[in-house]
PDB file of N, CA and C in Angstrom:
ATOM      1  N   UNK A   1      47.862 206.400-237.068  1.00  0.00           N
ATOM      2  CA  UNK A   1      46.790 205.775-238.191  1.00  0.00           C
ATOM      3  C   UNK A   1      47.596 204.879-239.526  1.00  0.00           C
ATOM      4  N   UNK A   2      46.096 203.861-238.787  1.00  0.00           N
ATOM      5  CA  UNK A   2      47.106 202.717-240.039  1.00  0.00           C
ATOM      6  C   UNK A   2      45.988 203.277-240.644  1.00  0.00           C
ATOM      7  N   UNK A   3      46.100 202.016-242.070  1.00  0.00           N
ATOM      8  CA  UNK A   3      45.161 202.063-243.142  1.00  0.00           C
ATOM      9  C   UNK A   3      44.393 201.653-242.636  1.00  0.00           C
ATOM     10  N   UNK A   4      43.629 200.851-242.046  1.00  0.00           N
ATOM     11  CA  UNK A   4      42.174 200.680-241.999  1.00  0.00           C
ATOM     12  C   UNK A   4      41.869 201.794-241.440  1.00  0.00           C
ATOM     13  N   UNK A   5      42.657 202.067-240.457  1.00  0.00           N
ATOM     14  CA  UNK A   5      41.157 203.227-240.060  1.00  0.00           C
ATOM     15  C   UNK A   5      41.393 204.772-240.990  1.00  0.00           C
ATOM     16  N   UNK A   6      42.008 204.865-241.869  1.00  0.00           N
ATOM     17  CA  UNK A   6      41.818 205.723-242.915  1.00  0.00           C
ATOM     18  C   UNK A   6      40.297 206.084-243.663  1.00  0.00           C
ATOM     19  N   UNK A   7      40.226 205.336-244.391  1.00  0.00           N
ATOM     20  CA  UNK A   7      38.392 204.636-245.133  1.00  0.00           C
ATOM     21  C   UNK A   7      37.289 204.733-244.136  1.00  0.00           C
ATOM     22  N   UNK A   8      37.506 205.101-242.629  1.00  0.00           N
ATOM     23  CA  UNK A   8      36.130 204.450-241.994  1.00  0.00           C
ATOM     24  C   UNK A   8      35.773 205.324-241.935  1.00  0.00           C
ATOM     25  N   UNK A   9      34.109 204.765-242.746  1.00  0.00           N
ATOM     26  CA  UNK A   9      33.351 205.514-242.206  1.00  0.00           C
ATOM     27  C   UNK A   9      31.983 205.226-241.052  1.00  0.00           C
ATOM     28  N   UNK A  10      32.419 204.925-240.253  1.00  0.00           N
ATOM     29  CA  UNK A  10      31.963 204.677-239.165  1.00  0.00           C
ATOM     30  C   UNK A  10      30.530 203.347-238.726  1.00  0.00           C
ATOM     31  N   UNK A  11      30.216 203.360-237.702  1.00  0.00           N
ATOM     32  CA  UNK A  11      29.473 201.899-238.037  1.00  0.00           C
ATOM     33  C   UNK A  11      28.424 201.078-238.190  1.00  0.00           C
ATOM     34  N   UNK A  12      27.699 203.095-238.703  1.00  0.00           N
ATOM     35  CA  UNK A  12      26.253 202.862-239.074  1.00  0.00           C
ATOM     36  C   UNK A  12      26.446 203.109-240.760  1.00  0.00           C
ATOM     37  N   UNK A  13      25.424 202.166-241.179  1.00  0.00           N
ATOM     38  CA  UNK A  13      24.784 201.714-242.378  1.00  0.00           C
ATOM     39  C   UNK A  13      23.735 203.068-243.547  1.00  0.00           C
ATOM     40  N   UNK A  14      24.276 203.265-244.233  1.00  0.00           N
ATOM     41  CA  UNK A  14      23.366 204.902-244.736  1.00  0.00           C
ATOM     42  C   UNK A  14      22.127 203.852-245.181  1.00  0.00           C
ATOM     43  N   UNK A  15      21.096 203.957-244.483  1.00  0.00           N
ATOM     44  CA  UNK A  15      19.536 203.284-244.555  1.00  0.00           C
ATOM     45  C   UNK A  15      19.820 203.553-246.433  1.00  0.00           C
ATOM     46  N   UNK A  16      19.781 202.200-247.142  1.00  0.00           N
ATOM     47  CA  UNK A  16      18.728 202.185-248.433  1.00  0.00           C
ATOM     48  C   UNK A  16      17.164 202.292-248.663  1.00  0.00           C
ATOM     49  N   UNK A  17      17.275 203.245-250.110  1.00  0.00           N
ATOM     50  CA  UNK A  17      16.451 203.901-249.837  1.00  0.00           C
ATOM     51  C   UNK A  17      15.924 203.081-251.510  1.00  0.00           C
ATOM     52  N   UNK A  18      14.574 202.335-251.141  1.00  0.00           N
ATOM     53  CA  UNK A  18      13.635 202.271-253.113  1.00  0.00           C
ATOM     54  C   UNK A  18      13.869 202.930-253.626  1.00  0.00           C
ATOM     55  N   UNK A  19      14.880 202.523-255.106  1.00  0.00           N
ATOM     56  CA  UNK A  19      14.014 203.595-256.093  1.00  0.00           C
ATOM     57  C   UNK A  19      13.210 203.724-256.560  1.00  0.00           C
ATOM     58  N   UNK A  20      11.918 202.890-256.734  1.00  0.00           N
ATOM     59  CA  UNK A  20      11.076 203.232-256.530  1.00  0.00           C
ATOM     60  C   UNK A  20       9.604 203.211-255.193  1.00  0.00           C
ATOM     61  N   UNK A  21       8.283 204.134-255.434  1.00  0.00           N
ATOM     62  CA  UNK A  21       8.428 204.030-254.711  1.00  0.00           C
ATOM     63  C   UNK A  21       6.331 204.910-254.513  1.00  0.00           C
ATOM     64  N   UNK A  22       5.809 204.668-254.042  1.00  0.00           N
ATOM     65  CA  UNK A  22       3.915 205.315-254.181  1.00  0.00           C
ATOM     66  C   UNK A  22       4.691 206.265-254.601  1.00  0.00           C
ATOM     67  N   UNK A  23       3.337 206.995-255.036  1.00  0.00           N
ATOM     68  CA  UNK A  23       3.562 208.536-256.202  1.00  0.00           C
ATOM     69  C   UNK A  23       2.144 209.039-255.590  1.00  0.00           C
ATOM     70  N   UNK A  24       2.472 210.034-255.321  1.00  0.00           N
ATOM     71  CA  UNK A  24       1.552 210.758-253.632  1.00  0.00           C
ATOM     72  C   UNK A  24       0.327 211.843-254.815  1.00  0.00           C
ATOM     73  N   UNK A  25       0.087 211.863-256.112  1.00  0.00           N
ATOM     74  CA  UNK A  25      -0.553 211.574-256.595  1.00  0.00           C
ATOM     75  C   UNK A  25      -1.251 211.318-257.629  1.00  0.00           C
ATOM     76  N   UNK A  26      -2.050 210.193-257.622  1.00  0.00           N
ATOM     77  CA  UNK A  26      -2.299 209.325-258.676  1.00  0.00           C
ATOM     78  C   UNK A  26      -2.602 207.545-258.332  1.00  0.00           C
ATOM     79  N   UNK A  27      -2.219 206.860-258.968  1.00  0.00           N
ATOM     80  CA  UNK A  27      -2.174 205.223-258.862  1.00  0.00           C
ATOM     81  C   UNK A  27      -0.791 204.272-258.969  1.00  0.00           C
ATOM     82  N   UNK A  28       0.055 203.677-258.588  1.00  0.00           N
ATOM     83  CA  UNK A  28       0.611 203.360-258.543  1.00  0.00           C
ATOM     84  C   UNK A  28       2.787 203.140-258.431  1.00  0.00           C
ATOM     85  N   UNK A  29       3.563 203.230-258.437  1.00  0.00           N
ATOM     86  CA  UNK A  29       4.516 203.233-258.027  1.00  0.00           C
ATOM     87  C   UNK A  29       5.485 204.225-259.636  1.00  0.00           C
ATOM     88  N   UNK A  30       6.132 205.381-258.868  1.00  0.00           N
ATOM     89  CA  UNK A  30       7.503 206.183-259.516  1.00  0.00           C
ATOM     90  C   UNK A  30       8.355 205.792-259.111  1.00  0.00           C
ATOM     91  N   UNK A  31       9.731 206.302-260.080  1.00  0.00           N
ATOM     92  CA  UNK A  31      11.338 206.890-259.371  1.00  0.00           C
ATOM     93  C   UNK A  31      11.032 207.278-258.684  1.00  0.00           C
ATOM     94  N   UNK A  32      12.072 207.406-257.199  1.00  0.00           N
ATOM     95  CA  UNK A  32      12.667 207.625-255.651  1.00  0.00           C
ATOM     96  C   UNK A  32      13.833 207.870-255.921  1.00  0.00           C
ATOM     97  N   UNK A  33      15.085 207.781-256.817  1.00  0.00           N
ATOM     98  CA  UNK A  33      15.680 207.661-256.944  1.00  0.00           C
ATOM     99  C   UNK A  33      16.868 207.760-257.926  1.00  0.00           C
ATOM    100  N   UNK A  34      18.074 208.387-258.489  1.00  0.00           N
ATOM    101  CA  UNK A  34      18.871 208.364-259.559  1.00  0.00           C
ATOM    102  C   UNK A  34      18.748 207.082-259.857  1.00  0.00           C
ATOM    103  N   UNK A  35      18.836 205.767-259.324  1.00  0.00           N
ATOM    104  CA  UNK A  35      18.952 204.423-260.452  1.00  0.00           C
ATOM    105  C   UNK A  35      17.452 204.205-260.762  1.00  0.00           C
ATOM    106  N   UNK A  36      16.615 204.524-260.237  1.00  0.00           N
ATOM    107  CA  UNK A  36      14.519 204.318-260.222  1.00  0.00           C
ATOM    108  C   UNK A  36      14.437 205.180-261.718  1.00  0.00           C
ATOM    109  N   UNK A  37      15.268 206.645-262.345  1.00  0.00           N
ATOM    110  CA  UNK A  37      14.915 207.497-263.034  1.00  0.00           C
ATOM    111  C   UNK A  37      15.937 206.568-264.136  1.00  0.00           C
ATOM    112  N   UNK A  38      17.541 205.357-263.507  1.00  0.00           N
ATOM    113  CA  UNK A  38      18.210 205.431-264.647  1.00  0.00           C
ATOM    114  C   UNK A  38      16.797 204.022-265.559  1.00  0.00           C
ATOM    115  N   UNK A  39      16.789 203.527-264.923  1.00  0.00           N
ATOM    116  CA  UNK A  39      15.881 202.455-265.264  1.00  0.00           C
ATOM    117  C   UNK A  39      14.731 202.200-266.261  1.00  0.00           C
ATOM    118  N   UNK A  40      14.066 203.511-265.678  1.00  0.00           N
ATOM    119  CA  UNK A  40      13.049 204.020-266.354  1.00  0.00           C
ATOM    120  C   UNK A  40      13.641 204.593-267.581  1.00  0.00           C
ATOM    121  N   UNK A  41      14.832 205.252-267.533  1.00  0.00           N
ATOM    122  CA  UNK A  41      15.182 206.299-269.118  1.00  0.00           C
ATOM    123  C   UNK A  41      15.620 204.748-269.876  1.00  0.00           C
ATOM    124  N   UNK A  42      16.129 203.710-269.227  1.00  0.00           N
ATOM    125  CA  UNK A  42      16.947 203.117-270.511  1.00  0.00           C
ATOM    126  C   UNK A  42      14.926 202.154-270.624  1.00  0.00           C
ATOM    127  N   UNK A  43      14.595 201.520-269.665  1.00  0.00           N
ATOM    128  CA  UNK A  43      13.375 201.462-270.980  1.00  0.00           C
ATOM    129  C   UNK A  43      13.031 202.067-271.729  1.00  0.00           C
ATOM    130  N   UNK A  44      13.188 203.350-271.578  1.00  0.00           N
ATOM    131  CA  UNK A  44      12.041 204.205-272.698  1.00  0.00           C
ATOM    132  C   UNK A  44      12.382 203.881-273.460  1.00  0.00           C
ATOM    133  N   UNK A  45      14.176 204.183-273.620  1.00  0.00           N
ATOM    134  CA  UNK A  45      15.106 203.468-275.200  1.00  0.00           C
ATOM    135  C   UNK A  45      14.953 202.660-275.435  1.00  0.00           C
ATOM    136  N   UNK A  46      14.484 201.142-274.617  1.00  0.00           N
ATOM    137  CA  UNK A  46      14.639 199.676-275.728  1.00  0.00           C
ATOM    138  C   UNK A  46      13.193 200.063-276.055  1.00  0.00           C
ATOM    139  N   UNK A  47      12.465 200.776-275.673  1.00  0.00           N
ATOM    140  CA  UNK A  47      11.163 200.896-276.149  1.00  0.00           C
ATOM    141  C   UNK A  47      10.815 201.758-277.740  1.00  0.00           C
ATOM    142  N   UNK A  48      11.462 202.534-277.087  1.00  0.00           N
ATOM    143  CA  UNK A  48      11.598 202.876-278.771  1.00  0.00           C
ATOM    144  C   UNK A  48      12.571 202.273-279.790  1.00  0.00           C
ATOM    145  N   UNK A  49      13.402 201.308-279.752  1.00  0.00           N
ATOM    146  CA  UNK A  49      14.358 200.890-279.653  1.00  0.00           C
ATOM    147  C   UNK A  49      13.562 199.557-280.808  1.00  0.00           C
ATOM    148  N   UNK A  50      12.789 199.242-280.038  1.00  0.00           N
ATOM    149  CA  UNK A  50      11.602 197.161-280.338  1.00  0.00           C
ATOM    150  C   UNK A  50      10.599 198.158-281.537  1.00  0.00           C
ATOM    151  N   UNK A  51      10.135 199.772-280.402  1.00  0.00           N
ATOM    152  CA  UNK A  51       9.066 199.836-282.258  1.00  0.00           C
ATOM    153  C   UNK A  51       9.742 200.178-283.485  1.00  0.00           C
ATOM    154  N   UNK A  52      11.091 200.819-283.560  1.00  0.00           N
ATOM    155  CA  UNK A  52      11.802 202.027-284.430  1.00  0.00           C
ATOM    156  C   UNK A  52      12.157 200.500-285.416  1.00  0.00           C
ATOM    157  N   UNK A  53      12.985 198.710-284.536  1.00  0.00           N
ATOM    158  CA  UNK A  53      13.225 197.952-285.199  1.00  0.00           C
ATOM    159  C   UNK A  53      11.932 197.407-285.554  1.00  0.00           C
ATOM    160  N   UNK A  54      10.907 196.937-285.359  1.00  0.00           N
ATOM    161  CA  UNK A  54      10.071 196.369-286.115  1.00  0.00           C
ATOM    162  C   UNK A  54       9.247 196.300-286.515  1.00  0.00           C
ATOM    163  N   UNK A  55       8.830 197.772-286.873  1.00  0.00           N
ATOM    164  CA  UNK A  55       7.907 198.958-287.281  1.00  0.00           C
ATOM    165  C   UNK A  55       6.339 198.113-287.225  1.00  0.00           C
ATOM    166  N   UNK A  56       6.174 197.543-287.062  1.00  0.00           N
ATOM    167  CA  UNK A  56       5.027 196.676-286.471  1.00  0.00           C
ATOM    168  C   UNK A  56       4.462 196.054-286.446  1.00  0.00           C
ATOM    169  N   UNK A  57       5.117 194.688-286.573  1.00  0.00           N
ATOM    170  CA  UNK A  57       5.107 193.758-286.629  1.00  0.00           C
ATOM    171  C   UNK A  57       4.420 193.086-284.938  1.00  0.00           C
ATOM    172  N   UNK A  58       3.579 192.775-285.019  1.00  0.00           N
ATOM    173  CA  UNK A  58       2.797 192.541-283.745  1.00  0.00           C
ATOM    174  C   UNK A  58       3.727 191.793-283.204  1.00  0.00           C
ATOM    175  N   UNK A  59       3.590 190.237-282.982  1.00  0.00           N
ATOM    176  CA  UNK A  59       4.340 189.598-282.523  1.00  0.00           C
ATOM    177  C   UNK A  59       5.814 189.708-282.328  1.00  0.00           C
ATOM    178  N   UNK A  60       6.208 190.170-283.419  1.00  0.00           N
ATOM    179  CA  UNK A  60       7.947 189.975-282.149  1.00  0.00           C
ATOM    180  C   UNK A  60       8.182 191.745-280.558  1.00  0.00           C
ATOM    181  N   UNK A  61       6.970 192.555-282.151  1.00  0.00           N
ATOM    182  CA  UNK A  61       7.085 193.893-280.044  1.00  0.00           C
ATOM    183  C   UNK A  61       6.062 193.338-279.792  1.00  0.00           C
ATOM    184  N   UNK A  62       5.451 192.500-279.066  1.00  0.00           N
ATOM    185  CA  UNK A  62       4.969 191.721-278.078  1.00  0.00           C
ATOM    186  C   UNK A  62       6.633 191.376-277.126  1.00  0.00           C
ATOM    187  N   UNK A  63       6.987 190.368-278.153  1.00  0.00           N
ATOM    188  CA  UNK A  63       8.198 189.790-277.887  1.00  0.00           C
ATOM    189  C   UNK A  63       8.676 190.598-276.733  1.00  0.00           C
ATOM    190  N   UNK A  64       9.544 191.502-278.063  1.00  0.00           N
ATOM    191  CA  UNK A  64      10.084 193.042-277.266  1.00  0.00           C
ATOM    192  C   UNK A  64       9.335 194.110-276.025  1.00  0.00           C
ATOM    193  N   UNK A  65       8.524 194.375-275.831  1.00  0.00           N
ATOM    194  CA  UNK A  65       7.445 194.734-274.269  1.00  0.00           C
ATOM    195  C   UNK A  65       7.998 193.922-273.020  1.00  0.00           C
ATOM    196  N   UNK A  66       7.498 193.119-273.711  1.00  0.00           N
ATOM    197  CA  UNK A  66       7.399 191.548-272.117  1.00  0.00           C
ATOM    198  C   UNK A  66       8.564 192.670-271.051  1.00  0.00           C
ATOM    199  N   UNK A  67       9.324 192.890-271.734  1.00  0.00           N
ATOM    200  CA  UNK A  67      10.346 192.871-270.743  1.00  0.00           C
ATOM    201  C   UNK A  67      10.676 194.245-269.869  1.00  0.00           C
ATOM    202  N   UNK A  68      10.291 195.626-270.865  1.00  0.00           N
ATOM    203  CA  UNK A  68       9.374 195.683-270.591  1.00  0.00           C
ATOM    204  C   UNK A  68       8.281 196.803-269.050  1.00  0.00           C
ATOM    205  N   UNK A  69       7.727 195.699-268.532  1.00  0.00           N
ATOM    206  CA  UNK A  69       6.409 195.208-268.289  1.00  0.00           C
ATOM    207  C   UNK A  69       7.627 194.892-267.149  1.00  0.00           C
ATOM    208  N   UNK A  70       8.293 193.811-266.846  1.00  0.00           N
ATOM    209  CA  UNK A  70       8.325 193.095-265.730  1.00  0.00           C
ATOM    210  C   UNK A  70      10.034 193.628-265.194  1.00  0.00           C
ATOM    211  N   UNK A  71      10.841 194.105-265.746  1.00  0.00           N
ATOM    212  CA  UNK A  71      11.502 194.438-265.439  1.00  0.00           C
ATOM    213  C   UNK A  71      10.991 195.458-263.609  1.00  0.00           C
ATOM    214  N   UNK A  72      10.597 196.356-264.418  1.00  0.00           N
ATOM    215  CA  UNK A  72      10.385 196.931-262.889  1.00  0.00           C
ATOM    216  C   UNK A  72       9.734 196.664-261.888  1.00  0.00           C
ATOM    217  N   UNK A  73       9.041 195.505-262.365  1.00  0.00           N
ATOM    218  CA  UNK A  73       8.050 194.362-261.860  1.00  0.00           C
ATOM    219  C   UNK A  73       9.178 193.590-260.942  1.00  0.00           C
ATOM    220  N   UNK A  74       9.927 193.480-261.042  1.00  0.00           N
ATOM    221  CA  UNK A  74      10.610 192.614-260.134  1.00  0.00           C
ATOM    222  C   UNK A  74      11.796 193.605-259.383  1.00  0.00           C
ATOM    223  N   UNK A  75      12.256 194.429-260.289  1.00  0.00           N
ATOM    224  CA  UNK A  75      13.453 195.769-258.909  1.00  0.00           C
ATOM    225  C   UNK A  75      11.581 196.077-257.622  1.00  0.00           C
ATOM    226  N   UNK A  76      10.790 195.494-257.836  1.00  0.00           N
ATOM    227  CA  UNK A  76       9.626 196.296-257.017  1.00  0.00           C
ATOM    228  C   UNK A  76      10.496 195.521-255.743  1.00  0.00           C
ATOM    229  N   UNK A  77       9.251 193.946-256.706  1.00  0.00           N
ATOM    230  CA  UNK A  77       9.611 192.493-255.485  1.00  0.00           C
ATOM    231  C   UNK A  77      10.611 192.849-254.848  1.00  0.00           C
ATOM    232  N   UNK A  78      12.373 193.002-255.712  1.00  0.00           N
ATOM    233  CA  UNK A  78      13.415 192.534-254.364  1.00  0.00           C
ATOM    234  C   UNK A  78      13.716 193.273-253.663  1.00  0.00           C
ATOM    235  N   UNK A  79      13.309 194.325-253.773  1.00  0.00           N
ATOM    236  CA  UNK A  79      13.630 195.829-252.882  1.00  0.00           C
ATOM    237  C   UNK A  79      12.787 195.819-251.490  1.00  0.00           C
ATOM    238  N   UNK A  80      11.172 194.917-251.593  1.00  0.00           N
ATOM    239  CA  UNK A  80      10.253 194.797-250.459  1.00  0.00           C
ATOM    240  C   UNK A  80      10.914 194.508-249.317  1.00  0.00           C
ATOM    241  N   UNK A  81      11.615 193.216-250.104  1.00  0.00           N
ATOM    242  CA  UNK A  81      12.273 191.655-248.779  1.00  0.00           C
ATOM    243  C   UNK A  81      12.654 192.717-248.148  1.00  0.00           C
TER     244      UNK A  81
END
């Protein structure tokens, strides 16, 4: 057995599951994999950090919140391709 066959996992690639998908109940999308939950967790932590650091300064808060809205939509758009 040569080295190239030692780690052979077969010819079939595992299908990639989307990180986010349509909810069973309600509207919108929700996380489907651990990567989706990780993205949600990081975004929640960023939202808490922004809220704590800005302490109610509206323009700075809005600038900090925009990525929280854009990042999940970018991920979903990329995965639809």
